[in-house]
Amino acid sequence: HGCDAVVKSKYGQTFGVENTLFGMLY
């Protein structure tokens, strides 16, 4: 259903940092 489109969208970052990095830290 579009994982690439979701993860690589502009919403994939917060304050210029990848959401995945925040996730890994959390």
mmCIF file of all heavy atoms, coordinates in Angstrom:
data_MODEL
# 
_entry.id   MODEL 
# 
loop_
_atom_site.group_PDB 
_atom_site.id 
_atom_site.type_symbol 
_atom_site.label_atom_id 
_atom_site.label_alt_id 
_atom_site.label_comp_id 
_atom_site.label_asym_id 
_atom_site.label_entity_id 
_atom_site.label_seq_id 
_atom_site.pdbx_PDB_ins_code 
_atom_site.Cartn_x 
_atom_site.Cartn_y 
_atom_site.Cartn_z 
_atom_site.occupancy 
_atom_site.B_iso_or_equiv 
_atom_site.pdbx_formal_charge 
_atom_site.auth_seq_id 
_atom_site.auth_comp_id 
_atom_site.auth_asym_id 
_atom_site.auth_atom_id 
_atom_site.pdbx_PDB_model_num 
ATOM 1   N N   . HIS A 1 1  ? 0.789  -1.229 0.000  1.00 0.00 ? 1  HIS A N   1 
ATOM 2   C CA  . HIS A 1 1  ? 0.000  0.000  0.000  1.00 0.00 ? 1  HIS A CA  1 
ATOM 3   C C   . HIS A 1 1  ? 0.817  1.273  0.000  1.00 0.00 ? 1  HIS A C   1 
ATOM 4   O O   . HIS A 1 1  ? 0.306  2.336  0.271  1.00 0.00 ? 1  HIS A O   1 
ATOM 5   C CB  . HIS A 1 1  ? -0.964 0.015  1.196  1.00 0.00 ? 1  HIS A CB  1 
ATOM 6   C CG  . HIS A 1 1  ? -2.119 -0.902 1.029  1.00 0.00 ? 1  HIS A CG  1 
ATOM 7   N ND1 . HIS A 1 1  ? -2.439 -1.841 1.975  1.00 0.00 ? 1  HIS A ND1 1 
ATOM 8   C CD2 . HIS A 1 1  ? -3.017 -1.045 0.034  1.00 0.00 ? 1  HIS A CD2 1 
ATOM 9   C CE1 . HIS A 1 1  ? -3.490 -2.517 1.562  1.00 0.00 ? 1  HIS A CE1 1 
ATOM 10  N NE2 . HIS A 1 1  ? -3.861 -2.057 0.396  1.00 0.00 ? 1  HIS A NE2 1 
ATOM 11  N N   . GLY A 1 2  ? 2.109  1.208  -0.249 1.00 0.00 ? 2  GLY A N   1 
ATOM 12  C CA  . GLY A 1 2  ? 2.884  2.426  -0.391 1.00 0.00 ? 2  GLY A CA  1 
ATOM 13  C C   . GLY A 1 2  ? 3.817  2.762  0.734  1.00 0.00 ? 2  GLY A C   1 
ATOM 14  O O   . GLY A 1 2  ? 3.938  3.923  1.106  1.00 0.00 ? 2  GLY A O   1 
ATOM 15  N N   . CYS A 1 3  ? 4.497  1.765  1.275  1.00 0.00 ? 3  CYS A N   1 
ATOM 16  C CA  . CYS A 1 3  ? 5.449  2.034  2.359  1.00 0.00 ? 3  CYS A CA  1 
ATOM 17  C C   . CYS A 1 3  ? 6.502  3.055  1.928  1.00 0.00 ? 3  CYS A C   1 
ATOM 18  O O   . CYS A 1 3  ? 6.821  3.962  2.679  1.00 0.00 ? 3  CYS A O   1 
ATOM 19  C CB  . CYS A 1 3  ? 6.138  0.752  2.799  1.00 0.00 ? 3  CYS A CB  1 
ATOM 20  S SG  . CYS A 1 3  ? 5.108  -0.331 3.793  1.00 0.00 ? 3  CYS A SG  1 
ATOM 21  N N   . ASP A 1 4  ? 7.042  2.886  0.727  1.00 0.00 ? 4  ASP A N   1 
ATOM 22  C CA  . ASP A 1 4  ? 8.069  3.818  0.252  1.00 0.00 ? 4  ASP A CA  1 
ATOM 23  C C   . ASP A 1 4  ? 7.537  5.239  0.206  1.00 0.00 ? 4  ASP A C   1 
ATOM 24  O O   . ASP A 1 4  ? 8.209  6.173  0.621  1.00 0.00 ? 4  ASP A O   1 
ATOM 25  C CB  . ASP A 1 4  ? 8.562  3.404  -1.142 1.00 0.00 ? 4  ASP A CB  1 
ATOM 26  C CG  . ASP A 1 4  ? 9.616  2.315  -1.078 1.00 0.00 ? 4  ASP A CG  1 
ATOM 27  O OD1 . ASP A 1 4  ? 10.579 2.484  -0.320 1.00 0.00 ? 4  ASP A OD1 1 
ATOM 28  O OD2 . ASP A 1 4  ? 9.469  1.312  -1.791 1.00 0.00 ? 4  ASP A OD2 1 
ATOM 29  N N   . ALA A 1 5  ? 6.329  5.402  -0.308 1.00 0.00 ? 5  ALA A N   1 
ATOM 30  C CA  . ALA A 1 5  ? 5.741  6.738  -0.430 1.00 0.00 ? 5  ALA A CA  1 
ATOM 31  C C   . ALA A 1 5  ? 5.548  7.378  0.944  1.00 0.00 ? 5  ALA A C   1 
ATOM 32  O O   . ALA A 1 5  ? 5.753  8.584  1.104  1.00 0.00 ? 5  ALA A O   1 
ATOM 33  C CB  . ALA A 1 5  ? 4.408  6.659  -1.172 1.00 0.00 ? 5  ALA A CB  1 
ATOM 34  N N   . VAL A 1 6  ? 5.166  6.589  1.918  1.00 0.00 ? 6  VAL A N   1 
ATOM 35  C CA  . VAL A 1 6  ? 4.939  7.113  3.266  1.00 0.00 ? 6  VAL A CA  1 
ATOM 36  C C   . VAL A 1 6  ? 6.264  7.478  3.931  1.00 0.00 ? 6  VAL A C   1 
ATOM 37  O O   . VAL A 1 6  ? 6.449  8.596  4.408  1.00 0.00 ? 6  VAL A O   1 
ATOM 38  C CB  . VAL A 1 6  ? 4.168  6.095  4.146  1.00 0.00 ? 6  VAL A CB  1 
ATOM 39  C CG1 . VAL A 1 6  ? 4.117  6.548  5.595  1.00 0.00 ? 6  VAL A CG1 1 
ATOM 40  C CG2 . VAL A 1 6  ? 2.760  5.886  3.600  1.00 0.00 ? 6  VAL A CG2 1 
ATOM 41  N N   . VAL A 1 7  ? 7.192  6.548  3.952  1.00 0.00 ? 7  VAL A N   1 
ATOM 42  C CA  . VAL A 1 7  ? 8.455  6.747  4.669  1.00 0.00 ? 7  VAL A CA  1 
ATOM 43  C C   . VAL A 1 7  ? 9.305  7.833  4.010  1.00 0.00 ? 7  VAL A C   1 
ATOM 44  O O   . VAL A 1 7  ? 9.961  8.616  4.693  1.00 0.00 ? 7  VAL A O   1 
ATOM 45  C CB  . VAL A 1 7  ? 9.239  5.413  4.773  1.00 0.00 ? 7  VAL A CB  1 
ATOM 46  C CG1 . VAL A 1 7  ? 10.613 5.628  5.365  1.00 0.00 ? 7  VAL A CG1 1 
ATOM 47  C CG2 . VAL A 1 7  ? 8.453  4.416  5.612  1.00 0.00 ? 7  VAL A CG2 1 
ATOM 48  N N   . LYS A 1 8  ? 9.256  7.909  2.699  1.00 0.00 ? 8  LYS A N   1 
ATOM 49  C CA  . LYS A 1 8  ? 10.085 8.880  1.987  1.00 0.00 ? 8  LYS A CA  1 
ATOM 50  C C   . LYS A 1 8  ? 9.369  10.210 1.730  1.00 0.00 ? 8  LYS A C   1 
ATOM 51  O O   . LYS A 1 8  ? 9.911  11.086 1.070  1.00 0.00 ? 8  LYS A O   1 
ATOM 52  C CB  . LYS A 1 8  ? 10.582 8.269  0.686  1.00 0.00 ? 8  LYS A CB  1 
ATOM 53  C CG  . LYS A 1 8  ? 11.526 7.091  0.955  1.00 0.00 ? 8  LYS A CG  1 
ATOM 54  C CD  . LYS A 1 8  ? 11.982 6.406  -0.295 1.00 0.00 ? 8  LYS A CD  1 
ATOM 55  C CE  . LYS A 1 8  ? 12.896 5.234  0.076  1.00 0.00 ? 8  LYS A CE  1 
ATOM 56  N NZ  . LYS A 1 8  ? 13.288 4.443  -1.071 1.00 0.00 ? 8  LYS A NZ  1 
ATOM 57  N N   . SER A 1 9  ? 8.190  10.376 2.299  1.00 0.00 ? 9  SER A N   1 
ATOM 58  C CA  . SER A 1 9  ? 7.464  11.642 2.151  1.00 0.00 ? 9  SER A CA  1 
ATOM 59  C C   . SER A 1 9  ? 8.085  12.696 3.066  1.00 0.00 ? 9  SER A C   1 
ATOM 60  O O   . SER A 1 9  ? 8.930  12.399 3.904  1.00 0.00 ? 9  SER A O   1 
ATOM 61  C CB  . SER A 1 9  ? 5.989  11.461 2.509  1.00 0.00 ? 9  SER A CB  1 
ATOM 62  O OG  . SER A 1 9  ? 5.830  11.357 3.908  1.00 0.00 ? 9  SER A OG  1 
ATOM 63  N N   . LYS A 1 10 ? 7.613  13.917 2.930  1.00 0.00 ? 10 LYS A N   1 
ATOM 64  C CA  . LYS A 1 10 ? 8.126  14.993 3.792  1.00 0.00 ? 10 LYS A CA  1 
ATOM 65  C C   . LYS A 1 10 ? 7.759  14.772 5.257  1.00 0.00 ? 10 LYS A C   1 
ATOM 66  O O   . LYS A 1 10 ? 8.355  15.350 6.147  1.00 0.00 ? 10 LYS A O   1 
ATOM 67  C CB  . LYS A 1 10 ? 7.624  16.354 3.319  1.00 0.00 ? 10 LYS A CB  1 
ATOM 68  C CG  . LYS A 1 10 ? 6.145  16.581 3.497  1.00 0.00 ? 10 LYS A CG  1 
ATOM 69  C CD  . LYS A 1 10 ? 5.758  17.965 3.027  1.00 0.00 ? 10 LYS A CD  1 
ATOM 70  C CE  . LYS A 1 10 ? 4.283  18.227 3.276  1.00 0.00 ? 10 LYS A CE  1 
ATOM 71  N NZ  . LYS A 1 10 ? 3.905  19.587 2.888  1.00 0.00 ? 10 LYS A NZ  1 
ATOM 72  N N   . TYR A 1 11 ? 6.783  13.916 5.505  1.00 0.00 ? 11 TYR A N   1 
ATOM 73  C CA  . TYR A 1 11 ? 6.372  13.610 6.875  1.00 0.00 ? 11 TYR A CA  1 
ATOM 74  C C   . TYR A 1 11 ? 7.277  12.569 7.530  1.00 0.00 ? 11 TYR A C   1 
ATOM 75  O O   . TYR A 1 11 ? 7.094  12.227 8.683  1.00 0.00 ? 11 TYR A O   1 
ATOM 76  C CB  . TYR A 1 11 ? 4.923  13.127 6.904  1.00 0.00 ? 11 TYR A CB  1 
ATOM 77  C CG  . TYR A 1 11 ? 3.968  14.160 6.367  1.00 0.00 ? 11 TYR A CG  1 
ATOM 78  C CD1 . TYR A 1 11 ? 3.490  14.080 5.063  1.00 0.00 ? 11 TYR A CD1 1 
ATOM 79  C CD2 . TYR A 1 11 ? 3.570  15.229 7.152  1.00 0.00 ? 11 TYR A CD2 1 
ATOM 80  C CE1 . TYR A 1 11 ? 2.627  15.041 4.563  1.00 0.00 ? 11 TYR A CE1 1 
ATOM 81  C CE2 . TYR A 1 11 ? 2.705  16.197 6.661  1.00 0.00 ? 11 TYR A CE2 1 
ATOM 82  C CZ  . TYR A 1 11 ? 2.249  16.100 5.360  1.00 0.00 ? 11 TYR A CZ  1 
ATOM 83  O OH  . TYR A 1 11 ? 1.401  17.054 4.876  1.00 0.00 ? 11 TYR A OH  1 
ATOM 84  N N   . GLY A 1 12 ? 8.258  12.058 6.798  1.00 0.00 ? 12 GLY A N   1 
ATOM 85  C CA  . GLY A 1 12 ? 9.207  11.085 7.321  1.00 0.00 ? 12 GLY A CA  1 
ATOM 86  C C   . GLY A 1 12 ? 10.291 11.721 8.179  1.00 0.00 ? 12 GLY A C   1 
ATOM 87  O O   . GLY A 1 12 ? 11.140 11.028 8.714  1.00 0.00 ? 12 GLY A O   1 
ATOM 88  N N   . GLN A 1 13 ? 10.241 13.054 8.286  1.00 0.00 ? 13 GLN A N   1 
ATOM 89  C CA  . GLN A 1 13 ? 11.207 13.778 9.102  1.00 0.00 ? 13 GLN A CA  1 
ATOM 90  C C   . GLN A 1 13 ? 10.483 14.756 10.011 1.00 0.00 ? 13 GLN A C   1 
ATOM 91  O O   . GLN A 1 13 ? 9.414  15.255 9.666  1.00 0.00 ? 13 GLN A O   1 
ATOM 92  C CB  . GLN A 1 13 ? 12.167 14.580 8.235  1.00 0.00 ? 13 GLN A CB  1 
ATOM 93  C CG  . GLN A 1 13 ? 13.083 13.763 7.372  1.00 0.00 ? 13 GLN A CG  1 
ATOM 94  C CD  . GLN A 1 13 ? 14.083 14.649 6.645  1.00 0.00 ? 13 GLN A CD  1 
ATOM 95  O OE1 . GLN A 1 13 ? 14.039 15.865 6.732  1.00 0.00 ? 13 GLN A OE1 1 
ATOM 96  N NE2 . GLN A 1 13 ? 14.996 14.022 5.927  1.00 0.00 ? 13 GLN A NE2 1 
ATOM 97  N N   . THR A 1 14 ? 11.096 15.028 11.145 1.00 0.00 ? 14 THR A N   1 
ATOM 98  C CA  . THR A 1 14 ? 10.600 16.039 12.066 1.00 0.00 ? 14 THR A CA  1 
ATOM 99  C C   . THR A 1 14 ? 11.790 16.917 12.446 1.00 0.00 ? 14 THR A C   1 
ATOM 100 O O   . THR A 1 14 ? 12.808 16.400 12.905 1.00 0.00 ? 14 THR A O   1 
ATOM 101 C CB  . THR A 1 14 ? 9.992  15.392 13.320 1.00 0.00 ? 14 THR A CB  1 
ATOM 102 O OG1 . THR A 1 14 ? 8.956  14.496 12.908 1.00 0.00 ? 14 THR A OG1 1 
ATOM 103 C CG2 . THR A 1 14 ? 9.409  16.434 14.257 1.00 0.00 ? 14 THR A CG2 1 
ATOM 104 N N   . PHE A 1 15 ? 11.649 18.202 12.203 1.00 0.00 ? 15 PHE A N   1 
ATOM 105 C CA  . PHE A 1 15 ? 12.748 19.146 12.459 1.00 0.00 ? 15 PHE A CA  1 
ATOM 106 C C   . PHE A 1 15 ? 14.021 18.733 11.728 1.00 0.00 ? 15 PHE A C   1 
ATOM 107 O O   . PHE A 1 15 ? 15.125 18.899 12.240 1.00 0.00 ? 15 PHE A O   1 
ATOM 108 C CB  . PHE A 1 15 ? 13.013 19.307 13.956 1.00 0.00 ? 15 PHE A CB  1 
ATOM 109 C CG  . PHE A 1 15 ? 11.802 19.689 14.758 1.00 0.00 ? 15 PHE A CG  1 
ATOM 110 C CD1 . PHE A 1 15 ? 11.347 18.863 15.769 1.00 0.00 ? 15 PHE A CD1 1 
ATOM 111 C CD2 . PHE A 1 15 ? 11.114 20.863 14.489 1.00 0.00 ? 15 PHE A CD2 1 
ATOM 112 C CE1 . PHE A 1 15 ? 10.227 19.209 16.513 1.00 0.00 ? 15 PHE A CE1 1 
ATOM 113 C CE2 . PHE A 1 15 ? 10.001 21.218 15.228 1.00 0.00 ? 15 PHE A CE2 1 
ATOM 114 C CZ  . PHE A 1 15 ? 9.551  20.389 16.239 1.00 0.00 ? 15 PHE A CZ  1 
ATOM 115 N N   . GLY A 1 16 ? 13.870 18.160 10.529 1.00 0.00 ? 16 GLY A N   1 
ATOM 116 C CA  . GLY A 1 16 ? 15.018 17.762 9.721  1.00 0.00 ? 16 GLY A CA  1 
ATOM 117 C C   . GLY A 1 16 ? 15.678 16.463 10.136 1.00 0.00 ? 16 GLY A C   1 
ATOM 118 O O   . GLY A 1 16 ? 16.698 16.072 9.589  1.00 0.00 ? 16 GLY A O   1 
ATOM 119 N N   . VAL A 1 17 ? 15.103 15.773 11.117 1.00 0.00 ? 17 VAL A N   1 
ATOM 120 C CA  . VAL A 1 17 ? 15.653 14.501 11.605 1.00 0.00 ? 17 VAL A CA  1 
ATOM 121 C C   . VAL A 1 17 ? 14.685 13.384 11.236 1.00 0.00 ? 17 VAL A C   1 
ATOM 122 O O   . VAL A 1 17 ? 13.470 13.520 11.391 1.00 0.00 ? 17 VAL A O   1 
ATOM 123 C CB  . VAL A 1 17 ? 15.862 14.541 13.142 1.00 0.00 ? 17 VAL A CB  1 
ATOM 124 C CG1 . VAL A 1 17 ? 16.408 13.218 13.652 1.00 0.00 ? 17 VAL A CG1 1 
ATOM 125 C CG2 . VAL A 1 17 ? 16.778 15.690 13.531 1.00 0.00 ? 17 VAL A CG2 1 
ATOM 126 N N   . GLU A 1 18 ? 15.247 12.287 10.761 1.00 0.00 ? 18 GLU A N   1 
ATOM 127 C CA  . GLU A 1 18 ? 14.424 11.136 10.390 1.00 0.00 ? 18 GLU A CA  1 
ATOM 128 C C   . GLU A 1 18 ? 13.589 10.656 11.580 1.00 0.00 ? 18 GLU A C   1 
ATOM 129 O O   . GLU A 1 18 ? 14.123 10.495 12.679 1.00 0.00 ? 18 GLU A O   1 
ATOM 130 C CB  . GLU A 1 18 ? 15.306 9.977  9.909  1.00 0.00 ? 18 GLU A CB  1 
ATOM 131 C CG  . GLU A 1 18 ? 16.072 10.251 8.647  1.00 0.00 ? 18 GLU A CG  1 
ATOM 132 C CD  . GLU A 1 18 ? 15.177 10.366 7.441  1.00 0.00 ? 18 GLU A CD  1 
ATOM 133 O OE1 . GLU A 1 18 ? 14.153 9.652  7.374  1.00 0.00 ? 18 GLU A OE1 1 
ATOM 134 O OE2 . GLU A 1 18 ? 15.489 11.188 6.573  1.00 0.00 ? 18 GLU A OE2 1 
ATOM 135 N N   . ASN A 1 19 ? 12.305 10.423 11.348 1.00 0.00 ? 19 ASN A N   1 
ATOM 136 C CA  . ASN A 1 19 ? 11.443 9.882  12.406 1.00 0.00 ? 19 ASN A CA  1 
ATOM 137 C C   . ASN A 1 19 ? 11.959 8.535  12.900 1.00 0.00 ? 19 ASN A C   1 
ATOM 138 O O   . ASN A 1 19 ? 11.791 8.190  14.074 1.00 0.00 ? 19 ASN A O   1 
ATOM 139 C CB  . ASN A 1 19 ? 10.008 9.739  11.907 1.00 0.00 ? 19 ASN A CB  1 
ATOM 140 C CG  . ASN A 1 19 ? 9.341  11.068 11.671 1.00 0.00 ? 19 ASN A CG  1 
ATOM 141 O OD1 . ASN A 1 19 ? 9.759  12.091 12.200 1.00 0.00 ? 19 ASN A OD1 1 
ATOM 142 N ND2 . ASN A 1 19 ? 8.309  11.073 10.867 1.00 0.00 ? 19 ASN A ND2 1 
ATOM 143 N N   . THR A 1 20 ? 12.597 7.793  12.002 1.00 0.00 ? 20 THR A N   1 
ATOM 144 C CA  . THR A 1 20 ? 13.110 6.484  12.383 1.00 0.00 ? 20 THR A CA  1 
ATOM 145 C C   . THR A 1 20 ? 14.217 6.606  13.431 1.00 0.00 ? 20 THR A C   1 
ATOM 146 O O   . THR A 1 20 ? 14.359 5.733  14.290 1.00 0.00 ? 20 THR A O   1 
ATOM 147 C CB  . THR A 1 20 ? 13.634 5.725  11.154 1.00 0.00 ? 20 THR A CB  1 
ATOM 148 O OG1 . THR A 1 20 ? 14.576 6.550  10.471 1.00 0.00 ? 20 THR A OG1 1 
ATOM 149 C CG2 . THR A 1 20 ? 12.503 5.349  10.221 1.00 0.00 ? 20 THR A CG2 1 
ATOM 150 N N   . LEU A 1 21 ? 14.999 7.677  13.379 1.00 0.00 ? 21 LEU A N   1 
ATOM 151 C CA  . LEU A 1 21 ? 16.032 7.889  14.407 1.00 0.00 ? 21 LEU A CA  1 
ATOM 152 C C   . LEU A 1 21 ? 15.398 8.162  15.760 1.00 0.00 ? 21 LEU A C   1 
ATOM 153 O O   . LEU A 1 21 ? 15.844 7.628  16.781 1.00 0.00 ? 21 LEU A O   1 
ATOM 154 C CB  . LEU A 1 21 ? 16.957 9.041  14.011 1.00 0.00 ? 21 LEU A CB  1 
ATOM 155 C CG  . LEU A 1 21 ? 17.947 8.750  12.897 1.00 0.00 ? 21 LEU A CG  1 
ATOM 156 C CD1 . LEU A 1 21 ? 18.729 10.003 12.537 1.00 0.00 ? 21 LEU A CD1 1 
ATOM 157 C CD2 . LEU A 1 21 ? 18.886 7.633  13.299 1.00 0.00 ? 21 LEU A CD2 1 
ATOM 158 N N   . PHE A 1 22 ? 14.357 9.004  15.764 1.00 0.00 ? 22 PHE A N   1 
ATOM 159 C CA  . PHE A 1 22 ? 13.628 9.228  17.012 1.00 0.00 ? 22 PHE A CA  1 
ATOM 160 C C   . PHE A 1 22 ? 13.061 7.916  17.527 1.00 0.00 ? 22 PHE A C   1 
ATOM 161 O O   . PHE A 1 22 ? 13.108 7.634  18.731 1.00 0.00 ? 22 PHE A O   1 
ATOM 162 C CB  . PHE A 1 22 ? 12.493 10.238 16.819 1.00 0.00 ? 22 PHE A CB  1 
ATOM 163 C CG  . PHE A 1 22 ? 12.947 11.655 16.631 1.00 0.00 ? 22 PHE A CG  1 
ATOM 164 C CD1 . PHE A 1 22 ? 12.543 12.376 15.517 1.00 0.00 ? 22 PHE A CD1 1 
ATOM 165 C CD2 . PHE A 1 22 ? 13.755 12.283 17.563 1.00 0.00 ? 22 PHE A CD2 1 
ATOM 166 C CE1 . PHE A 1 22 ? 12.936 13.691 15.334 1.00 0.00 ? 22 PHE A CE1 1 
ATOM 167 C CE2 . PHE A 1 22 ? 14.167 13.597 17.398 1.00 0.00 ? 22 PHE A CE2 1 
ATOM 168 C CZ  . PHE A 1 22 ? 13.758 14.304 16.277 1.00 0.00 ? 22 PHE A CZ  1 
ATOM 169 N N   . GLY A 1 23 ? 12.532 7.113  16.621 1.00 0.00 ? 23 GLY A N   1 
ATOM 170 C CA  . GLY A 1 23 ? 11.970 5.815  16.999 1.00 0.00 ? 23 GLY A CA  1 
ATOM 171 C C   . GLY A 1 23 ? 13.021 4.901  17.617 1.00 0.00 ? 23 GLY A C   1 
ATOM 172 O O   . GLY A 1 23 ? 12.791 4.294  18.669 1.00 0.00 ? 23 GLY A O   1 
ATOM 173 N N   . MET A 1 24 ? 14.183 4.809  16.972 1.00 0.00 ? 24 MET A N   1 
ATOM 174 C CA  . MET A 1 24 ? 15.235 3.949  17.508 1.00 0.00 ? 24 MET A CA  1 
ATOM 175 C C   . MET A 1 24 ? 15.685 4.417  18.891 1.00 0.00 ? 24 MET A C   1 
ATOM 176 O O   . MET A 1 24 ? 15.882 3.595  19.786 1.00 0.00 ? 24 MET A O   1 
ATOM 177 C CB  . MET A 1 24 ? 16.426 3.893  16.546 1.00 0.00 ? 24 MET A CB  1 
ATOM 178 C CG  . MET A 1 24 ? 16.151 3.045  15.314 1.00 0.00 ? 24 MET A CG  1 
ATOM 179 S SD  . MET A 1 24 ? 17.618 2.740  14.291 1.00 0.00 ? 24 MET A SD  1 
ATOM 180 C CE  . MET A 1 24 ? 17.914 4.354  13.587 1.00 0.00 ? 24 MET A CE  1 
ATOM 181 N N   . LEU A 1 25 ? 15.827 5.721  19.074 1.00 0.00 ? 25 LEU A N   1 
ATOM 182 C CA  . LEU A 1 25 ? 16.212 6.242  20.390 1.00 0.00 ? 25 LEU A CA  1 
ATOM 183 C C   . LEU A 1 25 ? 15.153 5.940  21.443 1.00 0.00 ? 25 LEU A C   1 
ATOM 184 O O   . LEU A 1 25 ? 15.476 5.548  22.568 1.00 0.00 ? 25 LEU A O   1 
ATOM 185 C CB  . LEU A 1 25 ? 16.467 7.745  20.311 1.00 0.00 ? 25 LEU A CB  1 
ATOM 186 C CG  . LEU A 1 25 ? 17.741 8.160  19.599 1.00 0.00 ? 25 LEU A CG  1 
ATOM 187 C CD1 . LEU A 1 25 ? 17.791 9.679  19.427 1.00 0.00 ? 25 LEU A CD1 1 
ATOM 188 C CD2 . LEU A 1 25 ? 18.966 7.669  20.345 1.00 0.00 ? 25 LEU A CD2 1 
ATOM 189 N N   . TYR A 1 26 ? 13.891 6.133  21.074 1.00 0.00 ? 26 TYR A N   1 
ATOM 190 C CA  . TYR A 1 26 ? 12.792 5.855  22.003 1.00 0.00 ? 26 TYR A CA  1 
ATOM 191 C C   . TYR A 1 26 ? 12.796 4.381  22.414 1.00 0.00 ? 26 TYR A C   1 
ATOM 192 O O   . TYR A 1 26 ? 12.732 4.051  23.600 1.00 0.00 ? 26 TYR A O   1 
ATOM 193 C CB  . TYR A 1 26 ? 11.450 6.237  21.357 1.00 0.00 ? 26 TYR A CB  1 
ATOM 194 C CG  . TYR A 1 26 ? 10.266 5.704  22.101 1.00 0.00 ? 26 TYR A CG  1 
ATOM 195 C CD1 . TYR A 1 26 ? 9.910  6.216  23.343 1.00 0.00 ? 26 TYR A CD1 1 
ATOM 196 C CD2 . TYR A 1 26 ? 9.493  4.670  21.575 1.00 0.00 ? 26 TYR A CD2 1 
ATOM 197 C CE1 . TYR A 1 26 ? 8.826  5.711  24.044 1.00 0.00 ? 26 TYR A CE1 1 
ATOM 198 C CE2 . TYR A 1 26 ? 8.404  4.172  22.262 1.00 0.00 ? 26 TYR A CE2 1 
ATOM 199 C CZ  . TYR A 1 26 ? 8.068  4.692  23.493 1.00 0.00 ? 26 TYR A CZ  1 
ATOM 200 O OH  . TYR A 1 26 ? 7.009  4.199  24.182 1.00 0.00 ? 26 TYR A OH  1 
# 
